[in-house]
Amino acid sequence: MSDDNDDNVSKGTVIREGRADADPLGIRRRRGGRKRAPSFTAEPGFEFDYKDPQQLRYFITDRGKIVPRRISGLTAQQQRSLTVAVKRARNIALLPYTSVK
């Protein structure tokens, strides 16, 4: 006889639940074109400020890595200035080097 614990699932079937928080940056399984940069970066004369960690946290993963340009949607010049700002903020302890779990 069959077990009632199987709930009509054949042996070897893997059930995966889609979770919204599993991929918050959309790095995996992205479809379509490039991600657009945030609107505040499009303003003329915009500069990343290392003294503003809230703004920089938008471009850092939950593990503390800087988001790559293909994901962030920034221009090459903006990505370079972002990297310098994040490294300066890390150096003076406004941002962590790694995440704490």
N, C-alpha and C. Protein backbone atom coordinates (compact mmCIF):
# COMPACT_ATOMS: atom_id res chain seq x y z
N MET A 1 0.83 -1.18 0.00
CA MET A 1 0.00 0.00 0.00
C MET A 1 0.89 1.25 0.00
N SER A 2 0.32 2.40 -0.36
CA SER A 2 1.11 3.64 -0.41
C SER A 2 1.01 4.38 0.92
N ASP A 3 2.05 5.16 1.18
CA ASP A 3 2.08 5.97 2.39
C ASP A 3 1.25 7.23 2.19
N ASP A 4 0.61 7.67 3.25
CA ASP A 4 -0.16 8.92 3.18
C ASP A 4 0.75 10.13 3.26
N ASN A 5 2.01 9.94 3.64
CA ASN A 5 2.94 11.06 3.78
C ASN A 5 3.42 11.59 2.42
N ASP A 6 3.24 10.79 1.36
CA ASP A 6 3.73 11.19 0.05
C ASP A 6 2.92 12.34 -0.55
N ASP A 7 1.66 12.43 -0.23
CA ASP A 7 0.78 13.50 -0.72
C ASP A 7 0.85 13.61 -2.24
N ASN A 8 0.75 12.48 -2.94
CA ASN A 8 0.71 12.42 -4.40
C ASN A 8 1.98 12.98 -5.06
N VAL A 9 3.12 12.91 -4.38
CA VAL A 9 4.40 13.34 -4.94
C VAL A 9 5.22 12.09 -5.21
N SER A 10 5.65 11.94 -6.46
CA SER A 10 6.42 10.75 -6.80
C SER A 10 7.80 10.82 -6.17
N LYS A 11 8.40 9.67 -6.01
CA LYS A 11 9.70 9.59 -5.37
C LYS A 11 10.75 10.27 -6.25
N GLY A 12 11.60 11.09 -5.66
CA GLY A 12 12.65 11.77 -6.39
C GLY A 12 12.25 13.14 -6.91
N THR A 13 11.02 13.54 -6.74
CA THR A 13 10.58 14.85 -7.20
C THR A 13 11.03 15.92 -6.22
N VAL A 14 11.63 16.97 -6.74
CA VAL A 14 12.10 18.07 -5.91
C VAL A 14 11.10 19.19 -6.01
N ILE A 15 10.64 19.64 -4.87
CA ILE A 15 9.67 20.74 -4.82
C ILE A 15 10.42 21.98 -4.37
N ARG A 16 10.36 23.01 -5.20
CA ARG A 16 11.02 24.27 -4.85
C ARG A 16 9.97 25.35 -4.77
N GLU A 17 10.03 26.07 -3.69
CA GLU A 17 9.10 27.18 -3.53
C GLU A 17 9.78 28.46 -3.95
N GLY A 18 9.09 29.28 -4.72
CA GLY A 18 9.62 30.57 -5.13
C GLY A 18 9.48 31.57 -3.99
N ARG A 19 10.60 32.11 -3.57
CA ARG A 19 10.57 33.10 -2.50
C ARG A 19 11.03 34.43 -3.04
N ALA A 20 10.34 35.46 -2.65
CA ALA A 20 10.69 36.80 -3.13
C ALA A 20 12.02 37.26 -2.53
N ASP A 21 12.35 36.84 -1.32
CA ASP A 21 13.58 37.28 -0.68
C ASP A 21 14.77 36.41 -1.03
N ALA A 22 14.58 35.37 -1.85
CA ALA A 22 15.68 34.48 -2.21
C ALA A 22 16.70 35.18 -3.10
N ASP A 23 16.29 36.12 -3.91
CA ASP A 23 17.18 36.82 -4.82
C ASP A 23 16.80 38.30 -4.85
N PRO A 24 17.14 39.06 -3.81
CA PRO A 24 16.66 40.45 -3.73
C PRO A 24 17.24 41.36 -4.80
N LEU A 25 18.46 41.09 -5.28
CA LEU A 25 19.06 41.97 -6.28
C LEU A 25 18.69 41.58 -7.70
N GLY A 26 18.09 40.40 -7.87
CA GLY A 26 17.74 39.95 -9.21
C GLY A 26 18.94 39.48 -10.00
N ILE A 27 19.98 39.01 -9.32
CA ILE A 27 21.18 38.56 -10.01
C ILE A 27 20.90 37.28 -10.77
N ARG A 28 20.24 36.34 -10.15
CA ARG A 28 19.93 35.07 -10.79
C ARG A 28 18.60 35.16 -11.52
N ARG A 29 18.51 34.44 -12.60
CA ARG A 29 17.27 34.32 -13.38
C ARG A 29 16.73 35.66 -13.84
N ARG A 30 17.61 36.54 -14.26
CA ARG A 30 17.17 37.82 -14.81
C ARG A 30 16.77 37.63 -16.25
N ARG A 31 15.68 38.18 -16.61
CA ARG A 31 15.23 38.15 -17.98
C ARG A 31 15.09 39.60 -18.45
N GLY A 32 15.27 39.80 -19.71
CA GLY A 32 15.08 41.13 -20.26
C GLY A 32 16.38 41.91 -20.33
N GLY A 33 16.26 43.22 -20.42
CA GLY A 33 17.41 44.09 -20.62
C GLY A 33 18.15 44.42 -19.34
N ARG A 34 18.98 45.43 -19.45
CA ARG A 34 19.77 45.85 -18.31
C ARG A 34 18.91 46.54 -17.27
N LYS A 35 19.33 46.46 -16.04
CA LYS A 35 18.63 47.15 -14.97
C LYS A 35 18.93 48.64 -15.06
N ARG A 36 17.94 49.43 -14.82
CA ARG A 36 18.13 50.88 -14.87
C ARG A 36 18.72 51.37 -13.57
N ALA A 37 19.56 52.37 -13.68
CA ALA A 37 20.18 52.97 -12.51
C ALA A 37 19.13 53.74 -11.72
N PRO A 38 19.32 53.91 -10.42
CA PRO A 38 18.38 54.70 -9.63
C PRO A 38 18.29 56.13 -10.15
N SER A 39 17.14 56.73 -9.96
CA SER A 39 16.89 58.05 -10.53
C SER A 39 17.80 59.13 -9.93
N PHE A 40 18.22 58.95 -8.67
CA PHE A 40 19.05 59.99 -8.07
C PHE A 40 20.44 60.04 -8.68
N THR A 41 20.87 58.98 -9.37
CA THR A 41 22.18 59.00 -10.01
C THR A 41 22.15 59.71 -11.36
N ALA A 42 20.98 59.94 -11.92
CA ALA A 42 20.85 60.58 -13.22
C ALA A 42 20.90 62.10 -13.14
N GLU A 43 20.85 62.65 -11.94
CA GLU A 43 20.87 64.10 -11.79
C GLU A 43 22.21 64.66 -12.26
N PRO A 44 22.20 65.82 -12.92
CA PRO A 44 23.48 66.40 -13.37
C PRO A 44 24.34 66.82 -12.18
N GLY A 45 25.61 66.49 -12.27
CA GLY A 45 26.53 66.85 -11.20
C GLY A 45 26.45 65.92 -9.99
N PHE A 46 25.85 64.74 -10.16
CA PHE A 46 25.73 63.81 -9.03
C PHE A 46 27.09 63.20 -8.70
N GLU A 47 27.41 63.15 -7.42
CA GLU A 47 28.65 62.54 -6.92
C GLU A 47 28.30 61.64 -5.75
N PHE A 48 28.95 60.48 -5.68
CA PHE A 48 28.79 59.62 -4.52
C PHE A 48 29.57 60.22 -3.37
N ASP A 49 28.96 60.24 -2.19
CA ASP A 49 29.60 60.79 -1.01
C ASP A 49 29.89 59.66 -0.04
N TYR A 50 31.14 59.47 0.32
CA TYR A 50 31.50 58.38 1.22
C TYR A 50 30.95 58.59 2.63
N LYS A 51 30.53 59.81 2.94
CA LYS A 51 29.99 60.10 4.28
C LYS A 51 28.50 59.81 4.39
N ASP A 52 27.90 59.29 3.31
CA ASP A 52 26.48 58.97 3.30
C ASP A 52 26.30 57.46 3.11
N PRO A 53 26.37 56.68 4.20
CA PRO A 53 26.31 55.22 4.06
C PRO A 53 24.94 54.71 3.61
N GLN A 54 23.87 55.43 3.88
CA GLN A 54 22.54 54.98 3.44
C GLN A 54 22.47 54.93 1.92
N GLN A 55 23.04 55.90 1.27
CA GLN A 55 23.05 55.94 -0.18
C GLN A 55 23.93 54.82 -0.74
N LEU A 56 25.04 54.54 -0.10
CA LEU A 56 25.97 53.52 -0.58
C LEU A 56 25.44 52.11 -0.33
N ARG A 57 24.63 51.91 0.70
CA ARG A 57 24.10 50.58 1.00
C ARG A 57 23.19 50.04 -0.08
N TYR A 58 22.64 50.93 -0.89
CA TYR A 58 21.80 50.50 -2.02
C TYR A 58 22.62 49.69 -3.01
N PHE A 59 23.92 49.94 -3.08
CA PHE A 59 24.79 49.29 -4.05
C PHE A 59 25.68 48.23 -3.43
N ILE A 60 25.31 47.73 -2.26
CA ILE A 60 26.08 46.69 -1.58
C ILE A 60 25.17 45.51 -1.30
N THR A 61 25.68 44.29 -1.54
CA THR A 61 24.88 43.09 -1.31
C THR A 61 24.76 42.82 0.19
N ASP A 62 23.96 41.82 0.53
CA ASP A 62 23.79 41.49 1.94
C ASP A 62 25.07 40.88 2.52
N ARG A 63 25.98 40.44 1.69
CA ARG A 63 27.27 39.91 2.16
C ARG A 63 28.35 40.98 2.20
N GLY A 64 28.04 42.18 1.78
CA GLY A 64 28.99 43.28 1.87
C GLY A 64 29.77 43.54 0.59
N LYS A 65 29.43 42.87 -0.50
CA LYS A 65 30.13 43.08 -1.76
C LYS A 65 29.51 44.24 -2.53
N ILE A 66 30.34 44.89 -3.33
CA ILE A 66 29.85 45.96 -4.18
C ILE A 66 29.14 45.32 -5.38
N VAL A 67 27.96 45.81 -5.70
CA VAL A 67 27.16 45.26 -6.79
C VAL A 67 27.86 45.59 -8.11
N PRO A 68 27.98 44.62 -9.03
CA PRO A 68 28.63 44.90 -10.31
C PRO A 68 27.83 45.86 -11.18
N ARG A 69 28.52 46.42 -12.13
CA ARG A 69 27.92 47.45 -12.98
C ARG A 69 26.76 46.91 -13.81
N ARG A 70 26.83 45.67 -14.23
CA ARG A 70 25.75 45.11 -15.05
C ARG A 70 24.47 44.96 -14.25
N ILE A 71 24.58 44.90 -12.93
CA ILE A 71 23.41 44.80 -12.07
C ILE A 71 22.95 46.19 -11.61
N SER A 72 23.90 47.05 -11.24
CA SER A 72 23.54 48.36 -10.70
C SER A 72 23.01 49.30 -11.76
N GLY A 73 23.44 49.13 -13.01
CA GLY A 73 22.97 50.01 -14.07
C GLY A 73 23.69 51.34 -14.13
N LEU A 74 24.79 51.48 -13.42
CA LEU A 74 25.55 52.72 -13.42
C LEU A 74 26.45 52.81 -14.64
N THR A 75 26.90 54.03 -14.95
CA THR A 75 27.90 54.19 -15.99
C THR A 75 29.25 53.78 -15.43
N ALA A 76 30.24 53.63 -16.30
CA ALA A 76 31.57 53.20 -15.87
C ALA A 76 32.18 54.23 -14.90
N GLN A 77 32.02 55.49 -15.20
CA GLN A 77 32.57 56.54 -14.34
C GLN A 77 31.87 56.54 -12.98
N GLN A 78 30.55 56.37 -12.97
CA GLN A 78 29.82 56.31 -11.71
C GLN A 78 30.21 55.09 -10.90
N GLN A 79 30.42 53.95 -11.57
CA GLN A 79 30.80 52.73 -10.86
C GLN A 79 32.17 52.89 -10.21
N ARG A 80 33.10 53.55 -10.90
CA ARG A 80 34.43 53.79 -10.31
C ARG A 80 34.34 54.70 -9.11
N SER A 81 33.53 55.76 -9.20
CA SER A 81 33.41 56.67 -8.05
C SER A 81 32.65 55.99 -6.91
N LEU A 82 31.71 55.11 -7.23
CA LEU A 82 31.03 54.33 -6.20
C LEU A 82 32.02 53.45 -5.45
N THR A 83 32.89 52.78 -6.19
CA THR A 83 33.88 51.89 -5.58
C THR A 83 34.80 52.65 -4.65
N VAL A 84 35.26 53.81 -5.08
CA VAL A 84 36.14 54.63 -4.23
C VAL A 84 35.39 55.08 -2.97
N ALA A 85 34.14 55.50 -3.14
CA ALA A 85 33.35 55.96 -1.99
C ALA A 85 33.09 54.83 -1.00
N VAL A 86 32.77 53.63 -1.50
CA VAL A 86 32.53 52.49 -0.60
C VAL A 86 33.80 52.12 0.14
N LYS A 87 34.92 52.10 -0.55
CA LYS A 87 36.19 51.75 0.10
C LYS A 87 36.58 52.78 1.15
N ARG A 88 36.33 54.04 0.88
CA ARG A 88 36.61 55.08 1.88
C ARG A 88 35.69 54.95 3.09
N ALA A 89 34.42 54.67 2.83
CA ALA A 89 33.46 54.50 3.93
C ALA A 89 33.81 53.28 4.78
N ARG A 90 34.28 52.22 4.15
CA ARG A 90 34.71 51.04 4.90
C ARG A 90 35.92 51.37 5.75
N ASN A 91 36.84 52.15 5.19
CA ASN A 91 38.08 52.48 5.89
C ASN A 91 37.84 53.28 7.17
N ILE A 92 36.85 54.13 7.16
CA ILE A 92 36.56 54.91 8.37
C ILE A 92 35.38 54.34 9.15
N ALA A 93 35.04 53.08 8.88
CA ALA A 93 34.06 52.29 9.64
C ALA A 93 32.62 52.80 9.53
N LEU A 94 32.27 53.41 8.42
CA LEU A 94 30.86 53.75 8.18
C LEU A 94 30.11 52.58 7.57
N LEU A 95 30.85 51.72 6.84
CA LEU A 95 30.29 50.51 6.24
C LEU A 95 31.12 49.31 6.68
N PRO A 96 30.49 48.15 6.87
CA PRO A 96 31.27 46.97 7.23
C PRO A 96 31.96 46.36 6.00
N TYR A 97 33.07 45.69 6.23
CA TYR A 97 33.76 44.97 5.16
C TYR A 97 32.99 43.70 4.80
N THR A 98 32.43 43.02 5.80
CA THR A 98 31.65 41.82 5.59
C THR A 98 30.38 41.92 6.41
N SER A 99 29.45 41.01 6.12
CA SER A 99 28.21 41.00 6.88
C SER A 99 28.40 40.18 8.16
N VAL A 100 27.61 40.50 9.15
CA VAL A 100 27.66 39.79 10.42
C VAL A 100 26.40 38.95 10.53
N LYS A 101 26.57 37.63 10.63
CA LYS A 101 25.41 36.74 10.74
C LYS A 101 25.52 35.87 11.95
